[in-house]
Amino acid sequence: MTARRPADEIARLGDRIYERDIRAQVEDVHDGAFVAIDVESGNWTLAGNELDAMVRLRERQPDALNVWLLRIGYRAIASIGGGSLRAHR
């Protein structure tokens, strides 16, 4: 079984996988959707909300422990008064 990684390492690896393997496939079509990424395998799932993204990833890979979750086109999953990055690019 894979050991739990520190949160900052999960974030760094997840962002790297997203930029390298996922972003080009999803960003123009799925703005605002959520991506759950298993940073060990690179497997990922897409859904309209955080819970569904995690459930889909767990269905696909039940042993996923080090998972990075992000919202396409946003700096954070949720914020107060925040918005999309689209206008800032």
N, C-alpha and C. Protein backbone atom coordinates (compact mmCIF):
# COMPACT_ATOMS: atom_id res chain seq x y z
N MET A 1 0.84 -1.19 0.00
CA MET A 1 0.00 0.00 0.00
C MET A 1 0.88 1.24 0.00
N THR A 2 0.46 2.24 -0.72
CA THR A 2 1.17 3.50 -0.81
C THR A 2 1.01 4.29 0.49
N ALA A 3 2.07 4.95 0.91
CA ALA A 3 2.01 5.78 2.11
C ALA A 3 1.38 7.14 1.78
N ARG A 4 0.77 7.72 2.77
CA ARG A 4 0.18 9.05 2.63
C ARG A 4 1.30 10.07 2.48
N ARG A 5 1.21 10.90 1.45
CA ARG A 5 2.20 11.95 1.20
C ARG A 5 1.78 13.24 1.92
N PRO A 6 2.73 14.14 2.18
CA PRO A 6 2.37 15.44 2.75
C PRO A 6 1.50 16.22 1.76
N ALA A 7 0.62 17.06 2.29
CA ALA A 7 -0.34 17.80 1.46
C ALA A 7 0.34 18.65 0.39
N ASP A 8 1.45 19.30 0.72
CA ASP A 8 2.11 20.15 -0.27
C ASP A 8 2.70 19.33 -1.42
N GLU A 9 3.14 18.12 -1.10
CA GLU A 9 3.66 17.24 -2.15
C GLU A 9 2.53 16.74 -3.06
N ILE A 10 1.39 16.40 -2.48
CA ILE A 10 0.23 15.99 -3.27
C ILE A 10 -0.18 17.13 -4.20
N ALA A 11 -0.21 18.35 -3.68
CA ALA A 11 -0.57 19.51 -4.49
C ALA A 11 0.40 19.70 -5.65
N ARG A 12 1.69 19.62 -5.36
CA ARG A 12 2.71 19.81 -6.41
C ARG A 12 2.60 18.75 -7.49
N LEU A 13 2.49 17.49 -7.07
CA LEU A 13 2.37 16.40 -8.03
C LEU A 13 1.07 16.49 -8.82
N GLY A 14 -0.03 16.79 -8.12
CA GLY A 14 -1.33 16.91 -8.80
C GLY A 14 -1.33 18.01 -9.83
N ASP A 15 -0.76 19.17 -9.47
CA ASP A 15 -0.68 20.28 -10.43
C ASP A 15 0.18 19.90 -11.63
N ARG A 16 1.26 19.21 -11.39
CA ARG A 16 2.15 18.79 -12.48
C ARG A 16 1.41 17.84 -13.45
N ILE A 17 0.71 16.86 -12.89
CA ILE A 17 -0.05 15.92 -13.72
C ILE A 17 -1.14 16.65 -14.49
N TYR A 18 -1.83 17.58 -13.82
CA TYR A 18 -2.89 18.33 -14.50
C TYR A 18 -2.32 19.11 -15.68
N GLU A 19 -1.26 19.85 -15.46
CA GLU A 19 -0.67 20.66 -16.53
C GLU A 19 -0.13 19.80 -17.67
N ARG A 20 0.49 18.70 -17.34
CA ARG A 20 1.14 17.84 -18.34
C ARG A 20 0.15 16.98 -19.12
N ASP A 21 -0.84 16.41 -18.43
CA ASP A 21 -1.65 15.36 -19.05
C ASP A 21 -3.13 15.69 -19.23
N ILE A 22 -3.66 16.62 -18.47
CA ILE A 22 -5.12 16.78 -18.41
C ILE A 22 -5.62 18.10 -18.98
N ARG A 23 -4.96 19.18 -18.64
CA ARG A 23 -5.45 20.53 -18.95
C ARG A 23 -5.89 20.70 -20.40
N ALA A 24 -5.08 20.31 -21.34
CA ALA A 24 -5.40 20.50 -22.75
C ALA A 24 -6.66 19.74 -23.17
N GLN A 25 -6.96 18.66 -22.46
CA GLN A 25 -8.14 17.85 -22.80
C GLN A 25 -9.44 18.42 -22.25
N VAL A 26 -9.36 19.19 -21.17
CA VAL A 26 -10.59 19.56 -20.46
C VAL A 26 -10.89 21.05 -20.37
N GLU A 27 -9.89 21.89 -20.41
CA GLU A 27 -10.08 23.28 -20.02
C GLU A 27 -11.08 24.05 -20.88
N ASP A 28 -11.04 23.91 -22.18
CA ASP A 28 -11.94 24.70 -23.03
C ASP A 28 -13.39 24.22 -22.98
N VAL A 29 -13.61 22.98 -22.61
CA VAL A 29 -14.95 22.39 -22.65
C VAL A 29 -15.60 22.26 -21.28
N HIS A 30 -14.80 22.12 -20.24
CA HIS A 30 -15.34 21.78 -18.91
C HIS A 30 -15.03 22.83 -17.85
N ASP A 31 -15.02 24.11 -18.20
CA ASP A 31 -14.73 25.18 -17.25
C ASP A 31 -15.67 25.09 -16.05
N GLY A 32 -15.11 25.07 -14.85
CA GLY A 32 -15.89 25.00 -13.63
C GLY A 32 -16.12 23.59 -13.11
N ALA A 33 -15.82 22.58 -13.92
CA ALA A 33 -15.97 21.19 -13.47
C ALA A 33 -14.81 20.84 -12.53
N PHE A 34 -14.91 19.70 -11.87
CA PHE A 34 -13.91 19.26 -10.91
C PHE A 34 -13.16 18.05 -11.43
N VAL A 35 -11.86 18.02 -11.16
CA VAL A 35 -11.00 16.90 -11.53
C VAL A 35 -10.39 16.33 -10.26
N ALA A 36 -10.51 15.02 -10.08
CA ALA A 36 -9.84 14.32 -8.99
C ALA A 36 -8.72 13.50 -9.61
N ILE A 37 -7.50 13.69 -9.11
CA ILE A 37 -6.31 13.05 -9.68
C ILE A 37 -5.62 12.20 -8.62
N ASP A 38 -5.41 10.93 -8.91
CA ASP A 38 -4.58 10.09 -8.06
C ASP A 38 -3.13 10.37 -8.46
N VAL A 39 -2.37 10.99 -7.58
CA VAL A 39 -1.02 11.41 -7.96
C VAL A 39 -0.04 10.24 -8.08
N GLU A 40 -0.41 9.08 -7.59
CA GLU A 40 0.47 7.91 -7.72
C GLU A 40 0.37 7.29 -9.11
N SER A 41 -0.84 7.14 -9.61
CA SER A 41 -1.05 6.47 -10.90
C SER A 41 -1.25 7.43 -12.06
N GLY A 42 -1.67 8.66 -11.75
CA GLY A 42 -2.03 9.60 -12.80
C GLY A 42 -3.46 9.44 -13.28
N ASN A 43 -4.19 8.46 -12.74
CA ASN A 43 -5.60 8.30 -13.10
C ASN A 43 -6.39 9.51 -12.62
N TRP A 44 -7.40 9.87 -13.38
CA TRP A 44 -8.20 11.03 -13.01
C TRP A 44 -9.63 10.87 -13.49
N THR A 45 -10.52 11.62 -12.85
CA THR A 45 -11.93 11.64 -13.24
C THR A 45 -12.42 13.07 -13.24
N LEU A 46 -13.50 13.28 -13.95
CA LEU A 46 -14.10 14.60 -14.13
C LEU A 46 -15.56 14.53 -13.71
N ALA A 47 -16.04 15.57 -13.01
CA ALA A 47 -17.44 15.61 -12.59
C ALA A 47 -17.86 17.06 -12.36
N GLY A 48 -19.15 17.24 -12.18
CA GLY A 48 -19.70 18.58 -11.97
C GLY A 48 -19.51 19.11 -10.56
N ASN A 49 -19.18 18.24 -9.60
CA ASN A 49 -18.93 18.70 -8.24
C ASN A 49 -17.83 17.85 -7.60
N GLU A 50 -17.35 18.32 -6.44
CA GLU A 50 -16.23 17.65 -5.78
C GLU A 50 -16.56 16.21 -5.38
N LEU A 51 -17.71 16.03 -4.79
CA LEU A 51 -18.08 14.70 -4.31
C LEU A 51 -18.16 13.69 -5.45
N ASP A 52 -18.82 14.06 -6.53
CA ASP A 52 -18.93 13.13 -7.67
C ASP A 52 -17.57 12.81 -8.27
N ALA A 53 -16.68 13.79 -8.33
CA ALA A 53 -15.33 13.54 -8.86
C ALA A 53 -14.60 12.52 -7.98
N MET A 54 -14.71 12.68 -6.66
CA MET A 54 -14.05 11.74 -5.75
C MET A 54 -14.70 10.36 -5.82
N VAL A 55 -16.01 10.30 -5.86
CA VAL A 55 -16.71 9.01 -5.93
C VAL A 55 -16.30 8.27 -7.20
N ARG A 56 -16.27 8.97 -8.32
CA ARG A 56 -15.88 8.34 -9.59
C ARG A 56 -14.45 7.82 -9.55
N LEU A 57 -13.56 8.61 -8.95
CA LEU A 57 -12.17 8.15 -8.85
C LEU A 57 -12.08 6.92 -7.95
N ARG A 58 -12.78 6.92 -6.83
CA ARG A 58 -12.76 5.76 -5.91
C ARG A 58 -13.38 4.53 -6.56
N GLU A 59 -14.39 4.72 -7.41
CA GLU A 59 -14.96 3.57 -8.13
C GLU A 59 -13.94 2.99 -9.09
N ARG A 60 -13.20 3.86 -9.73
CA ARG A 60 -12.19 3.43 -10.71
C ARG A 60 -10.96 2.86 -10.01
N GLN A 61 -10.60 3.47 -8.88
CA GLN A 61 -9.38 3.08 -8.19
C GLN A 61 -9.62 3.17 -6.68
N PRO A 62 -10.19 2.12 -6.08
CA PRO A 62 -10.57 2.14 -4.66
C PRO A 62 -9.43 2.40 -3.69
N ASP A 63 -8.20 2.07 -4.07
CA ASP A 63 -7.06 2.25 -3.17
C ASP A 63 -6.39 3.61 -3.29
N ALA A 64 -6.95 4.53 -4.07
CA ALA A 64 -6.35 5.85 -4.24
C ALA A 64 -6.29 6.56 -2.89
N LEU A 65 -5.10 6.95 -2.48
CA LEU A 65 -4.90 7.60 -1.18
C LEU A 65 -4.45 9.05 -1.34
N ASN A 66 -3.55 9.28 -2.26
CA ASN A 66 -2.99 10.62 -2.48
C ASN A 66 -3.69 11.26 -3.66
N VAL A 67 -4.79 11.95 -3.36
CA VAL A 67 -5.66 12.50 -4.39
C VAL A 67 -5.63 14.02 -4.34
N TRP A 68 -5.47 14.62 -5.51
CA TRP A 68 -5.51 16.07 -5.66
C TRP A 68 -6.80 16.43 -6.38
N LEU A 69 -7.54 17.37 -5.82
CA LEU A 69 -8.82 17.79 -6.37
C LEU A 69 -8.71 19.25 -6.79
N LEU A 70 -9.13 19.56 -8.01
CA LEU A 70 -9.09 20.95 -8.45
C LEU A 70 -10.30 21.27 -9.31
N ARG A 71 -10.57 22.56 -9.42
CA ARG A 71 -11.67 23.04 -10.24
C ARG A 71 -11.09 23.67 -11.49
N ILE A 72 -11.55 23.23 -12.62
CA ILE A 72 -11.00 23.68 -13.91
C ILE A 72 -11.28 25.17 -14.11
N GLY A 73 -10.21 25.92 -14.36
CA GLY A 73 -10.31 27.34 -14.62
C GLY A 73 -10.36 28.22 -13.38
N TYR A 74 -10.17 27.66 -12.20
CA TYR A 74 -10.23 28.40 -10.94
C TYR A 74 -8.96 28.22 -10.15
N ARG A 75 -8.61 29.21 -9.33
CA ARG A 75 -7.43 29.12 -8.47
C ARG A 75 -7.66 28.20 -7.29
N ALA A 76 -8.91 28.12 -6.83
CA ALA A 76 -9.24 27.32 -5.66
C ALA A 76 -10.54 26.59 -5.92
N ILE A 77 -10.79 25.55 -5.15
CA ILE A 77 -12.03 24.79 -5.30
C ILE A 77 -13.22 25.67 -4.95
N ALA A 78 -13.09 26.47 -3.89
CA ALA A 78 -14.17 27.36 -3.46
C ALA A 78 -13.55 28.62 -2.90
N SER A 79 -14.29 29.72 -3.00
CA SER A 79 -13.80 30.97 -2.43
C SER A 79 -14.98 31.91 -2.21
N ILE A 80 -14.73 32.92 -1.42
CA ILE A 80 -15.73 33.95 -1.18
C ILE A 80 -15.32 35.16 -2.01
N GLY A 81 -16.16 35.55 -2.94
CA GLY A 81 -15.86 36.69 -3.78
C GLY A 81 -14.86 36.41 -4.88
N GLY A 82 -14.48 35.16 -5.05
CA GLY A 82 -13.53 34.80 -6.10
C GLY A 82 -14.25 34.52 -7.40
N GLY A 83 -13.47 34.27 -8.40
CA GLY A 83 -14.07 33.99 -9.68
C GLY A 83 -13.14 33.19 -10.55
N SER A 84 -13.58 33.00 -11.76
CA SER A 84 -12.85 32.23 -12.73
C SER A 84 -11.55 32.91 -13.12
N LEU A 85 -10.58 32.11 -13.53
CA LEU A 85 -9.32 32.65 -14.05
C LEU A 85 -9.45 33.08 -15.51
N ARG A 86 -10.52 32.71 -16.17
CA ARG A 86 -10.70 32.98 -17.59
C ARG A 86 -10.46 34.46 -17.94
N ALA A 87 -11.01 35.39 -17.18
CA ALA A 87 -10.88 36.80 -17.48
C ALA A 87 -9.45 37.30 -17.24
N HIS A 88 -8.66 36.56 -16.48
CA HIS A 88 -7.32 36.98 -16.11
C HIS A 88 -6.25 36.42 -17.03
N ARG A 89 -6.60 35.60 -17.98
CA ARG A 89 -5.59 34.98 -18.85
C ARG A 89 -5.36 35.77 -20.08
